[in-house]
Amino acid sequence: MSDNKDLESTAVQRDNMSEEHDAVYEEKAGVADYKADAIEAENAEHNMTVIEAVKEYPMASLWAFVFSCTIIMESYCVFLIGSFMALPAFYNRFGINCDANGEHCTVAAKWQSSLQVSGQLGALIGVMIAGPITSKIGYRWAFIGGLMLLNVFIFAFYFAESMPVIFASQILEGIPWGIFIANAPAYCSEIVPIQLRAPATQMLQMFWAIGSIIVGAVTYVYSDTPGKEAYKIPIALQWMFPTPLAILIFIAPESPWWLVRKGKFDKAAKSVERLGRKSKTNTTETVAMMRRVIEMEKSSHRPSHLELFKGTDLRRTLIVCGVYAAQNLTGNLIANQAVYFFKQAGIETELAFGLGLITSALQMIFVMLSWILTTYFGRRPIYLWGSAANTILLIALGVAGSVPNTTSAKLAQASLGLIVSVLFTLGPAPASWVIIGETSAIRLRPLTTGAGRAAYYIVEFPCIFLASYMLNPDQANLRGKCGYVWGATGFLCLVTAYYQLPEMKNRSYREIDILFKRKVPARKWTKTEVDINDDE
């Protein structure tokens, strides 16, 4: 009787071992199957041309365009506040040191600086909450929530009748801006194939320019209007954007990478179908490629801000933060305060607003040119050469500001200020968006882009106060000589980028992960090969 029981027990153990062996075999076979599909999808993306990628993923390009439109709102208000400093109706209403007729006032330097940073203070809050919120509810609902909040906060700005209330309203508006600016590059980089990552993310810079064009046109029209309509109507025009964009984003597909991170493979496949042409897109292979990368980055912990500063992710975080921060140190602030800069350089009000509008229009054109340059020549060379040219021009601006203040000197300063503002959008600025979208790990992307933008604002705050102090006639009144300061900081950023910024052109997210894990020096990325079968 005992022998029979032993025999039965042995048979059961053999059956269990057999089942376990079958399960392990099936799991290995399943991994092998999806890895094979992943390799096929990655090879297909590498072999695509830019034109083929556009034809195969037409809707991905469209949705990247829609989500990029949210950047208009931050751009619009940033440039609006800068233009208000040079708008007679605004500075006569809120300024000090007016003449006997109560005109030709000057907005106090402390309020110039405070209003310039107010929106960014709110945006700093927004970018820090964007990552955790997006990781939990997805890109679509994070954007929609931000747009609805913005609709409400615009009311505070419109009805503000004092500087403190304007300051507070800008902080409130800044919170949704932070959500948009943190998530837009991440979403755009995730929904397109390798060959379209550059133009898809660089659209963000184009919409930044579009926001400034709208502001330039509106303030130019109202530059001679004496009443409060001159600044109330431009404020009210902000309501043009949030609701239509919220409707479009509601019907947009979620990022398939986010869905794969959540284990929603069927929904990820449907999202891929909506982004590409069903007849050409192999959704199974594409989702398998995403699964492969997600498995490589898999962790037992939930994504957290603390992870951004550990291991190889620290290097990736520092690159994103550095590229973002450098935007404030290589000519961006002159672009944001273009109209005020032109006025302080000695240009008349109407011409200053006209030059501001021309600057914004040229910026949009140069951003589109940068799509071609960054797509075909890479991110690193465009960023480095653009930064070097900007540094030289900023020093030249300082020289122009150092000579006697003649008409020729004023025109030289205005011209160099315009060139710096425009050239910034051909090289460093648009290349930055591509680098930001590609550098972070997929798992930590919402958190990394948020932390990077936070670094941008943290650096921007003292820079704005410094810029306002340098340009304000009641303070340093440096005019074009501010070019020496920004030229020096720009040179430091250039040297740092040369040693730390890798080239990620034509690299899949799997290859980028592996190169970071191998700690390959930035200057050797283009010469380092990654085998298609490697998983690390």
Protein backbone atom coordinates (compact mmCIF):
# COMPACT_ATOMS: atom_id res chain seq x y z
CA MET A 1 0.00 0.00 0.00
CA SER A 2 2.83 2.34 0.87
CA ASP A 3 4.64 1.43 -2.37
CA ASN A 4 1.56 2.36 -4.39
CA LYS A 5 1.38 5.74 -2.70
CA ASP A 6 5.07 6.36 -3.41
CA LEU A 7 4.57 5.44 -7.06
CA GLU A 8 1.57 7.77 -7.30
CA SER A 9 3.54 10.59 -5.63
CA THR A 10 6.45 10.09 -8.03
CA ALA A 11 4.09 10.13 -11.00
CA VAL A 12 2.49 13.37 -9.79
CA GLN A 13 5.93 14.96 -9.33
CA ARG A 14 6.90 13.85 -12.85
CA ASP A 15 3.67 15.36 -14.23
CA ASN A 16 4.29 18.63 -12.35
CA MET A 17 7.88 18.77 -13.60
CA SER A 18 6.67 18.08 -17.11
CA GLU A 19 4.08 20.87 -16.87
CA GLU A 20 6.70 23.27 -15.48
CA HIS A 21 9.09 22.30 -18.27
CA ASP A 22 6.35 22.88 -20.84
CA ALA A 23 5.51 26.26 -19.30
CA VAL A 24 9.16 27.31 -19.33
CA TYR A 25 9.53 26.10 -22.90
CA GLU A 26 6.39 27.97 -23.98
CA GLU A 27 7.58 31.14 -22.20
CA LYS A 28 10.97 30.95 -23.92
CA ALA A 29 9.31 30.29 -27.24
CA GLY A 30 6.99 33.25 -26.66
CA VAL A 31 9.92 35.54 -25.82
CA ALA A 32 11.77 34.30 -28.89
CA ASP A 33 8.70 34.94 -31.04
CA TYR A 34 8.15 38.49 -29.89
CA LYS A 35 11.89 39.24 -30.02
CA ALA A 36 11.93 38.09 -33.63
CA ASP A 37 8.99 40.39 -34.35
CA ALA A 38 10.74 43.21 -32.49
CA ILE A 39 13.86 42.79 -34.60
CA GLU A 40 11.77 42.89 -37.78
CA ALA A 41 10.04 46.12 -36.67
CA GLU A 42 13.31 47.80 -35.67
CA ASN A 43 14.98 46.85 -38.95
CA ALA A 44 11.96 48.16 -40.85
CA GLU A 45 12.21 51.54 -39.08
CA HIS A 46 15.95 51.75 -39.73
CA ASN A 47 15.43 51.02 -43.43
CA MET A 48 12.70 53.64 -43.91
CA THR A 49 13.44 56.92 -45.61
CA VAL A 50 11.89 60.10 -44.25
CA ILE A 51 9.36 60.19 -47.10
CA GLU A 52 8.42 56.54 -46.55
CA ALA A 53 7.97 57.19 -42.84
CA VAL A 54 5.60 60.10 -43.56
CA LYS A 55 3.58 57.92 -45.98
CA GLU A 56 3.40 55.01 -43.55
CA TYR A 57 2.60 57.10 -40.46
CA PRO A 58 0.57 60.07 -41.75
CA MET A 59 -1.69 60.32 -38.71
CA ALA A 60 1.28 60.22 -36.32
CA SER A 61 2.54 63.40 -37.96
CA LEU A 62 -0.91 64.98 -37.64
CA TRP A 63 -1.30 64.13 -33.95
CA ALA A 64 2.22 65.38 -33.19
CA PHE A 65 1.14 68.62 -34.85
CA VAL A 66 -1.99 68.83 -32.67
CA PHE A 67 -0.20 68.16 -29.37
CA SER A 68 2.55 70.62 -30.31
CA CYS A 69 -0.11 73.34 -30.65
CA THR A 70 -0.40 73.41 -26.85
CA ILE A 71 3.02 75.12 -26.75
CA ILE A 72 1.45 78.17 -28.41
CA MET A 73 -0.16 79.12 -25.12
CA GLU A 74 3.03 79.35 -23.08
CA SER A 75 4.80 81.09 -25.95
CA TYR A 76 1.91 83.52 -26.44
CA CYS A 77 1.84 84.63 -22.83
CA VAL A 78 5.64 84.75 -22.36
CA PHE A 79 6.00 87.02 -25.39
CA LEU A 80 2.87 88.96 -24.42
CA ILE A 81 4.33 89.92 -21.05
CA GLY A 82 7.58 90.90 -22.74
CA SER A 83 5.70 93.03 -25.29
CA PHE A 84 3.62 94.71 -22.56
CA MET A 85 6.84 96.20 -21.18
CA ALA A 86 7.09 98.18 -24.44
CA LEU A 87 3.33 98.83 -24.91
CA PRO A 88 2.45 102.48 -24.11
CA ALA A 89 -1.07 101.72 -22.82
CA PHE A 90 0.33 99.12 -20.40
CA TYR A 91 3.34 100.99 -19.04
CA ASN A 92 1.35 104.24 -18.76
CA ARG A 93 -1.24 102.34 -16.70
CA PHE A 94 1.10 100.35 -14.46
CA GLY A 95 4.41 102.25 -14.76
CA ILE A 96 6.27 104.77 -12.61
CA ASN A 97 8.44 107.86 -13.25
CA CYS A 98 5.90 109.33 -15.67
CA ASP A 99 6.24 112.77 -17.23
CA ALA A 100 4.01 115.77 -16.44
CA ASN A 101 1.27 114.42 -18.73
CA GLY A 102 1.25 111.05 -16.99
CA GLU A 103 2.85 109.37 -20.01
CA HIS A 104 6.16 107.83 -21.04
CA CYS A 105 6.26 105.85 -17.80
CA THR A 106 8.57 102.96 -17.01
CA VAL A 107 7.48 99.68 -15.46
CA ALA A 108 9.54 99.22 -12.30
CA ALA A 109 12.43 96.77 -12.77
CA LYS A 110 11.19 94.56 -9.93
CA TRP A 111 7.81 94.13 -11.68
CA GLN A 112 9.40 93.61 -15.08
CA SER A 113 11.39 90.74 -13.63
CA SER A 114 8.55 89.44 -11.47
CA LEU A 115 6.08 89.29 -14.36
CA GLN A 116 8.67 87.58 -16.57
CA VAL A 117 9.15 84.82 -13.97
CA SER A 118 5.57 84.55 -12.69
CA GLY A 119 4.35 82.20 -15.39
CA GLN A 120 7.52 80.15 -15.07
CA LEU A 121 6.98 79.80 -11.32
CA GLY A 122 3.62 78.21 -12.05
CA ALA A 123 5.13 76.14 -14.86
CA LEU A 124 7.76 74.84 -12.43
CA ILE A 125 4.92 73.45 -10.34
CA GLY A 126 3.29 72.07 -13.48
CA VAL A 127 6.35 70.21 -14.76
CA MET A 128 6.95 68.57 -11.38
CA ILE A 129 3.40 67.22 -11.17
CA ALA A 130 3.19 66.36 -14.89
CA GLY A 131 5.37 63.24 -14.64
CA PRO A 132 3.49 61.41 -11.85
CA ILE A 133 0.10 62.43 -13.29
CA THR A 134 0.99 61.33 -16.83
CA SER A 135 2.52 58.05 -15.66
CA LYS A 136 -0.80 57.28 -13.98
CA ILE A 137 -3.51 58.57 -16.35
CA GLY A 138 -1.71 58.94 -19.69
CA TYR A 139 -0.79 61.81 -21.95
CA ARG A 140 -4.28 62.53 -23.34
CA TRP A 141 -6.06 63.12 -20.04
CA ALA A 142 -3.12 65.07 -18.61
CA PHE A 143 -3.34 67.47 -21.58
CA ILE A 144 -7.13 67.74 -21.43
CA GLY A 145 -7.06 68.50 -17.69
CA GLY A 146 -4.43 71.18 -18.23
CA LEU A 147 -6.41 72.83 -21.04
CA MET A 148 -9.57 73.02 -18.94
CA LEU A 149 -7.64 74.58 -16.04
CA LEU A 150 -6.15 77.14 -18.40
CA ASN A 151 -9.61 78.23 -19.53
CA VAL A 152 -10.42 79.09 -15.92
CA PHE A 153 -7.12 80.80 -15.06
CA ILE A 154 -7.28 83.18 -18.04
CA PHE A 155 -10.20 84.92 -16.29
CA ALA A 156 -7.89 86.03 -13.45
CA PHE A 157 -5.45 87.60 -15.93
CA TYR A 158 -8.17 89.32 -17.93
CA PHE A 159 -9.82 91.00 -14.93
CA ALA A 160 -6.56 91.89 -13.13
CA GLU A 161 -6.21 95.61 -12.33
CA SER A 162 -2.97 95.63 -10.35
CA MET A 163 0.51 94.22 -10.65
CA PRO A 164 0.14 91.73 -7.75
CA VAL A 165 -3.02 90.25 -9.29
CA ILE A 166 -1.36 90.00 -12.72
CA PHE A 167 1.57 88.27 -11.03
CA ALA A 168 -0.73 85.76 -9.29
CA SER A 169 -2.76 85.10 -12.44
CA GLN A 170 0.41 84.29 -14.35
CA ILE A 171 1.46 81.78 -11.71
CA LEU A 172 -1.91 80.04 -12.10
CA GLU A 173 -1.68 80.01 -15.90
CA GLY A 174 1.81 78.61 -15.64
CA ILE A 175 0.68 75.35 -14.00
CA PRO A 176 -0.97 73.93 -17.15
CA TRP A 177 1.86 75.33 -19.28
CA GLY A 178 4.20 73.10 -17.28
CA ILE A 179 2.08 70.05 -18.06
CA PHE A 180 2.12 70.86 -21.79
CA ILE A 181 5.83 71.63 -22.05
CA ALA A 182 6.84 68.52 -20.06
CA ASN A 183 4.62 66.11 -21.97
CA ALA A 184 4.63 67.42 -25.55
CA PRO A 185 8.21 66.38 -26.49
CA ALA A 186 7.70 62.99 -24.82
CA TYR A 187 4.42 62.26 -26.62
CA CYS A 188 5.66 63.48 -30.01
CA SER A 189 8.82 61.36 -29.82
CA GLU A 190 6.85 58.24 -28.85
CA ILE A 191 4.23 58.20 -31.61
CA VAL A 192 6.51 58.47 -34.66
CA PRO A 193 9.17 56.17 -36.18
CA ILE A 194 12.90 56.88 -35.92
CA GLN A 195 13.12 58.97 -39.10
CA LEU A 196 10.38 61.39 -37.96
CA ARG A 197 11.52 62.02 -34.39
CA ALA A 198 13.42 65.17 -35.36
CA PRO A 199 10.65 67.01 -37.28
CA ALA A 200 7.93 65.80 -34.87
CA THR A 201 9.65 67.20 -31.79
CA GLN A 202 11.01 70.30 -33.54
CA MET A 203 7.45 71.34 -34.30
CA LEU A 204 7.39 72.46 -30.67
CA GLN A 205 9.86 75.22 -31.49
CA MET A 206 7.82 76.16 -34.56
CA PHE A 207 4.71 76.62 -32.44
CA TRP A 208 6.74 78.64 -29.95
CA ALA A 209 7.52 80.93 -32.90
CA ILE A 210 3.87 80.94 -34.00
CA GLY A 211 2.82 82.07 -30.53
CA SER A 212 5.25 84.96 -30.74
CA ILE A 213 4.00 85.85 -34.26
CA ILE A 214 0.40 86.08 -33.00
CA VAL A 215 1.55 88.26 -30.09
CA GLY A 216 3.65 90.41 -32.40
CA ALA A 217 0.76 90.96 -34.80
CA VAL A 218 -1.77 91.75 -32.07
CA THR A 219 0.47 94.10 -30.09
CA TYR A 220 1.63 95.79 -33.28
CA VAL A 221 -2.00 96.56 -34.14
CA TYR A 222 -2.68 97.94 -30.65
CA SER A 223 0.70 99.62 -30.06
CA ASP A 224 -0.82 103.10 -30.58
CA THR A 225 -4.16 102.43 -28.83
CA PRO A 226 -4.33 104.58 -25.68
CA GLY A 227 -7.03 102.70 -23.71
CA LYS A 228 -6.89 99.46 -21.76
CA GLU A 229 -8.20 97.59 -24.82
CA ALA A 230 -4.59 97.65 -26.02
CA TYR A 231 -3.70 94.97 -23.46
CA LYS A 232 -7.13 93.51 -22.57
CA ILE A 233 -7.87 92.22 -26.10
CA PRO A 234 -4.51 90.40 -26.43
CA ILE A 235 -5.19 88.75 -23.05
CA ALA A 236 -8.69 87.67 -24.12
CA LEU A 237 -7.36 86.11 -27.32
CA GLN A 238 -5.83 83.33 -25.18
CA TRP A 239 -9.31 81.77 -25.05
CA MET A 240 -8.97 80.89 -28.75
CA PHE A 241 -6.83 77.85 -28.01
CA PRO A 242 -7.79 75.60 -25.05
CA THR A 243 -11.28 74.29 -25.92
CA PRO A 244 -10.67 73.38 -29.61
CA LEU A 245 -7.41 71.67 -28.65
CA ALA A 246 -9.10 69.74 -25.82
CA ILE A 247 -11.69 68.38 -28.29
CA LEU A 248 -8.99 67.28 -30.75
CA ILE A 249 -6.88 65.65 -28.03
CA PHE A 250 -9.93 63.81 -26.71
CA ILE A 251 -10.23 61.94 -30.02
CA ALA A 252 -6.46 61.44 -30.39
CA PRO A 253 -4.78 58.06 -29.78
CA GLU A 254 -2.85 57.49 -26.58
CA SER A 255 0.90 56.91 -26.87
CA PRO A 256 1.36 53.19 -27.65
CA TRP A 257 4.56 53.20 -25.57
CA TRP A 258 2.57 54.35 -22.51
CA LEU A 259 -0.02 51.62 -23.17
CA VAL A 260 2.69 48.96 -23.45
CA ARG A 261 4.20 50.18 -20.16
CA LYS A 262 0.77 49.56 -18.62
CA GLY A 263 0.55 46.07 -20.18
CA LYS A 264 -2.33 47.10 -22.48
CA PHE A 265 -0.98 45.41 -25.61
CA ASP A 266 -4.29 45.23 -27.50
CA LYS A 267 -4.94 48.94 -26.98
CA ALA A 268 -1.34 49.67 -27.96
CA ALA A 269 -1.87 47.76 -31.22
CA LYS A 270 -5.03 49.76 -31.95
CA SER A 271 -3.15 52.98 -31.20
CA VAL A 272 -0.40 51.98 -33.66
CA GLU A 273 -3.09 51.26 -36.28
CA ARG A 274 -4.53 54.74 -35.78
CA LEU A 275 -1.10 56.34 -36.12
CA GLY A 276 -0.15 54.51 -39.33
CA ARG A 277 -1.71 52.99 -42.43
CA LYS A 278 -3.33 49.64 -41.65
CA SER A 279 -2.29 48.28 -45.05
CA LYS A 280 1.41 49.01 -44.39
CA THR A 281 1.86 48.93 -40.62
CA ASN A 282 2.55 45.57 -38.93
CA THR A 283 1.10 46.34 -35.51
CA THR A 284 2.16 43.01 -33.95
CA GLU A 285 5.81 43.59 -34.77
CA THR A 286 5.69 47.25 -33.71
CA VAL A 287 4.18 46.39 -30.31
CA ALA A 288 6.75 43.61 -29.93
CA MET A 289 9.53 46.16 -30.50
CA MET A 290 8.05 48.32 -27.75
CA ARG A 291 7.72 45.33 -25.41
CA ARG A 292 11.38 44.47 -25.96
CA VAL A 293 12.53 47.92 -24.84
CA ILE A 294 10.09 48.03 -21.92
CA GLU A 295 11.36 44.61 -20.73
CA MET A 296 14.96 45.88 -20.92
CA GLU A 297 14.05 48.82 -18.68
CA LYS A 298 11.81 46.79 -16.38
CA SER A 299 12.05 47.47 -12.66
CA SER A 300 10.28 46.17 -9.57
CA HIS A 301 9.78 49.76 -8.39
CA ARG A 302 7.32 52.33 -9.62
CA PRO A 303 8.93 55.21 -11.56
CA SER A 304 10.01 58.00 -9.20
CA HIS A 305 11.96 61.23 -9.36
CA LEU A 306 14.65 59.64 -7.17
CA GLU A 307 15.41 57.12 -9.94
CA LEU A 308 16.37 59.96 -12.29
CA PHE A 309 19.54 60.47 -10.26
CA LYS A 310 20.71 56.86 -10.01
CA GLY A 311 22.98 54.79 -12.25
CA THR A 312 23.00 55.47 -15.97
CA ASP A 313 19.75 57.43 -15.67
CA LEU A 314 21.71 60.18 -13.90
CA ARG A 315 23.72 60.85 -17.06
CA ARG A 316 20.54 60.95 -19.15
CA THR A 317 18.85 63.31 -16.70
CA LEU A 318 21.86 65.65 -16.65
CA ILE A 319 21.90 65.83 -20.47
CA VAL A 320 18.20 66.71 -20.61
CA CYS A 321 18.55 69.26 -17.78
CA GLY A 322 21.69 70.74 -19.33
CA VAL A 323 20.18 71.17 -22.79
CA TYR A 324 17.07 72.77 -21.32
CA ALA A 325 19.04 75.09 -19.02
CA ALA A 326 21.37 76.15 -21.84
CA GLN A 327 18.44 77.64 -23.76
CA ASN A 328 18.47 80.54 -21.30
CA LEU A 329 22.20 81.08 -21.67
CA THR A 330 22.66 81.11 -25.45
CA GLY A 331 20.38 83.86 -26.75
CA ASN A 332 16.88 82.75 -25.81
CA LEU A 333 16.20 85.66 -23.45
CA ILE A 334 17.05 88.22 -26.14
CA ALA A 335 14.49 86.44 -28.37
CA ASN A 336 11.84 86.47 -25.62
CA GLN A 337 12.37 90.19 -24.94
CA ALA A 338 13.02 91.17 -28.56
CA VAL A 339 10.64 94.16 -28.69
CA TYR A 340 11.87 95.57 -25.37
CA PHE A 341 15.47 95.01 -26.48
CA PHE A 342 14.86 96.91 -29.72
CA LYS A 343 13.34 99.83 -27.81
CA GLN A 344 16.24 100.00 -25.36
CA ALA A 345 18.63 99.89 -28.32
CA GLY A 346 17.09 103.20 -29.40
CA ILE A 347 14.49 102.03 -31.96
CA GLU A 348 11.12 103.85 -32.05
CA THR A 349 8.07 102.05 -30.64
CA GLU A 350 6.30 101.26 -33.93
CA LEU A 351 9.49 100.06 -35.61
CA ALA A 352 10.42 98.01 -32.51
CA PHE A 353 7.10 96.15 -32.69
CA GLY A 354 7.55 95.72 -36.44
CA LEU A 355 11.02 94.26 -35.95
CA GLY A 356 9.62 91.97 -33.26
CA LEU A 357 7.04 90.65 -35.72
CA ILE A 358 9.68 90.15 -38.41
CA THR A 359 11.85 88.29 -35.89
CA SER A 360 9.00 85.90 -35.03
CA ALA A 361 8.18 85.24 -38.70
CA LEU A 362 11.82 84.50 -39.52
CA GLN A 363 12.03 82.20 -36.50
CA MET A 364 9.21 80.05 -37.83
CA ILE A 365 10.87 79.78 -41.25
CA PHE A 366 14.24 78.88 -39.73
CA VAL A 367 12.65 76.22 -37.51
CA MET A 368 11.29 74.52 -40.64
CA LEU A 369 14.76 74.69 -42.21
CA SER A 370 16.14 73.05 -39.08
CA TRP A 371 13.91 69.99 -39.71
CA ILE A 372 16.01 69.23 -42.77
CA LEU A 373 19.35 70.00 -41.11
CA THR A 374 18.71 67.95 -37.96
CA THR A 375 17.13 65.02 -39.83
CA TYR A 376 19.98 64.62 -42.31
CA PHE A 377 23.02 65.99 -40.46
CA GLY A 378 22.20 64.95 -36.90
CA ARG A 379 21.49 66.64 -33.59
CA ARG A 380 25.01 67.07 -32.19
CA PRO A 381 26.63 68.95 -35.12
CA ILE A 382 23.65 71.30 -35.58
CA TYR A 383 23.54 72.03 -31.84
CA LEU A 384 27.30 72.63 -31.57
CA TRP A 385 27.72 74.73 -34.72
CA GLY A 386 24.59 76.74 -33.94
CA SER A 387 25.78 77.42 -30.38
CA ALA A 388 29.23 78.47 -31.66
CA ALA A 389 27.71 80.91 -34.18
CA ASN A 390 25.42 82.37 -31.51
CA THR A 391 28.34 82.88 -29.13
CA ILE A 392 30.29 84.81 -31.76
CA LEU A 393 27.27 86.96 -32.63
CA LEU A 394 26.58 87.73 -28.96
CA ILE A 395 30.14 88.99 -28.53
CA ALA A 396 29.68 91.09 -31.70
CA LEU A 397 26.50 92.51 -30.15
CA GLY A 398 28.50 93.50 -27.10
CA VAL A 399 31.05 95.26 -29.31
CA ALA A 400 28.26 97.15 -31.14
CA GLY A 401 26.90 98.27 -27.78
CA SER A 402 30.32 99.52 -26.68
CA VAL A 403 30.84 102.08 -29.44
CA PRO A 404 29.36 105.63 -29.30
CA ASN A 405 25.54 105.58 -29.38
CA THR A 406 25.05 106.81 -32.96
CA THR A 407 22.24 105.89 -35.34
CA SER A 408 24.53 103.34 -37.00
CA ALA A 409 25.36 101.76 -33.64
CA LYS A 410 21.66 101.53 -32.76
CA LEU A 411 20.85 99.83 -36.07
CA ALA A 412 23.81 97.47 -35.63
CA GLN A 413 22.57 96.45 -32.18
CA ALA A 414 19.02 95.95 -33.45
CA SER A 415 20.26 93.92 -36.43
CA LEU A 416 22.50 91.70 -34.32
CA GLY A 417 19.71 91.22 -31.76
CA LEU A 418 17.42 90.12 -34.58
CA ILE A 419 20.04 87.74 -36.04
CA VAL A 420 20.77 86.18 -32.64
CA SER A 421 17.05 85.67 -32.01
CA VAL A 422 16.54 84.08 -35.44
CA LEU A 423 19.71 81.96 -35.57
CA PHE A 424 18.84 80.53 -32.16
CA THR A 425 15.82 78.86 -33.81
CA LEU A 426 17.92 77.32 -36.59
CA GLY A 427 20.42 75.48 -34.40
CA PRO A 428 20.34 75.14 -30.60
CA ALA A 429 16.62 75.59 -29.92
CA PRO A 430 15.03 73.04 -32.32
CA ALA A 431 17.87 70.54 -31.85
CA SER A 432 17.24 70.76 -28.09
CA TRP A 433 13.70 69.44 -28.44
CA VAL A 434 14.88 66.38 -30.37
CA ILE A 435 17.61 65.66 -27.82
CA ILE A 436 15.14 66.05 -24.94
CA GLY A 437 12.66 63.66 -26.56
CA GLU A 438 15.26 60.97 -27.33
CA THR A 439 17.59 60.96 -24.33
CA SER A 440 15.38 59.76 -21.48
CA ALA A 441 14.52 56.13 -20.80
CA ILE A 442 11.00 55.20 -21.97
CA ARG A 443 10.00 54.12 -18.48
CA LEU A 444 11.06 57.44 -16.93
CA ARG A 445 10.29 59.73 -19.87
CA PRO A 446 7.45 61.85 -18.37
CA LEU A 447 9.50 62.34 -15.21
CA THR A 448 12.74 63.15 -17.05
CA THR A 449 11.24 65.72 -19.41
CA GLY A 450 9.49 67.31 -16.44
CA ALA A 451 12.72 67.49 -14.42
CA GLY A 452 14.55 68.91 -17.44
CA ARG A 453 12.01 71.66 -17.90
CA ALA A 454 12.21 72.38 -14.17
CA ALA A 455 15.95 72.93 -14.64
CA TYR A 456 15.09 75.35 -17.46
CA TYR A 457 12.90 77.43 -15.16
CA ILE A 458 15.33 77.31 -12.22
CA VAL A 459 18.08 78.73 -14.44
CA GLU A 460 15.69 81.14 -16.14
CA PHE A 461 14.59 82.90 -12.93
CA PRO A 462 17.92 84.56 -12.11
CA CYS A 463 18.61 85.10 -15.82
CA ILE A 464 15.34 87.03 -16.26
CA PHE A 465 16.15 89.29 -13.31
CA LEU A 466 19.64 89.78 -14.73
CA ALA A 467 18.30 90.49 -18.24
CA SER A 468 15.76 93.02 -16.97
CA TYR A 469 18.42 94.68 -14.81
CA MET A 470 20.85 94.90 -17.74
CA LEU A 471 18.29 96.39 -20.16
CA ASN A 472 16.30 98.65 -17.83
CA PRO A 473 17.30 102.34 -18.34
CA ASP A 474 16.87 102.95 -14.59
CA GLN A 475 19.36 100.20 -13.76
CA ALA A 476 22.46 99.01 -15.66
CA ASN A 477 21.17 100.25 -19.06
CA LEU A 478 23.69 98.04 -20.88
CA ARG A 479 21.69 97.75 -24.12
CA GLY A 480 23.79 95.77 -26.61
CA LYS A 481 26.62 95.28 -24.10
CA CYS A 482 24.52 92.49 -22.54
CA GLY A 483 25.92 90.42 -25.43
CA TYR A 484 29.20 90.06 -23.50
CA VAL A 485 27.37 88.36 -20.62
CA TRP A 486 25.34 85.97 -22.77
CA GLY A 487 28.35 85.31 -25.00
CA ALA A 488 30.36 84.16 -21.98
CA THR A 489 27.62 81.84 -20.68
CA GLY A 490 26.98 80.58 -24.21
CA PHE A 491 30.65 79.62 -24.58
CA LEU A 492 30.54 77.59 -21.35
CA CYS A 493 27.45 75.75 -22.62
CA LEU A 494 29.19 75.06 -25.94
CA VAL A 495 32.24 73.50 -24.27
CA THR A 496 30.06 71.35 -21.99
CA ALA A 497 27.93 70.13 -24.92
CA TYR A 498 31.05 69.20 -26.92
CA TYR A 499 32.14 66.73 -24.25
CA GLN A 500 28.76 65.49 -22.98
CA LEU A 501 26.21 65.54 -25.82
CA PRO A 502 25.94 62.26 -27.82
CA GLU A 503 24.58 61.87 -31.36
CA MET A 504 21.31 59.89 -31.36
CA LYS A 505 20.41 60.24 -35.04
CA ASN A 506 19.08 56.96 -36.52
CA ARG A 507 19.29 55.21 -33.15
CA SER A 508 16.34 53.16 -31.89
CA TYR A 509 15.34 53.50 -28.24
CA ARG A 510 16.84 50.04 -27.64
CA GLU A 511 20.20 51.14 -29.04
CA ILE A 512 20.11 54.37 -27.00
CA ASP A 513 19.43 52.37 -23.82
CA ILE A 514 22.35 50.04 -24.54
CA LEU A 515 24.83 52.83 -25.38
CA PHE A 516 24.01 54.60 -22.13
CA LYS A 517 24.35 51.34 -20.15
CA ARG A 518 27.73 50.70 -21.77
CA LYS A 519 28.78 54.24 -20.76
CA VAL A 520 30.04 55.03 -24.25
CA PRO A 521 31.63 58.54 -24.34
CA ALA A 522 29.52 61.13 -26.18
CA ARG A 523 32.03 61.68 -29.00
CA LYS A 524 32.22 57.92 -29.80
CA TRP A 525 28.50 57.23 -30.27
CA THR A 526 28.58 57.53 -34.05
CA LYS A 527 31.45 55.01 -34.29
CA THR A 528 29.92 52.45 -31.90
CA GLU A 529 27.88 49.60 -33.37
CA VAL A 530 25.05 47.86 -31.50
CA ASP A 531 24.07 44.40 -32.71
CA ILE A 532 20.39 43.96 -33.52
CA ASN A 533 20.27 40.91 -31.19
CA ASP A 534 21.72 42.69 -28.15
CA ASP A 535 19.54 43.06 -25.04
CA GLU A 536 21.11 44.65 -21.98
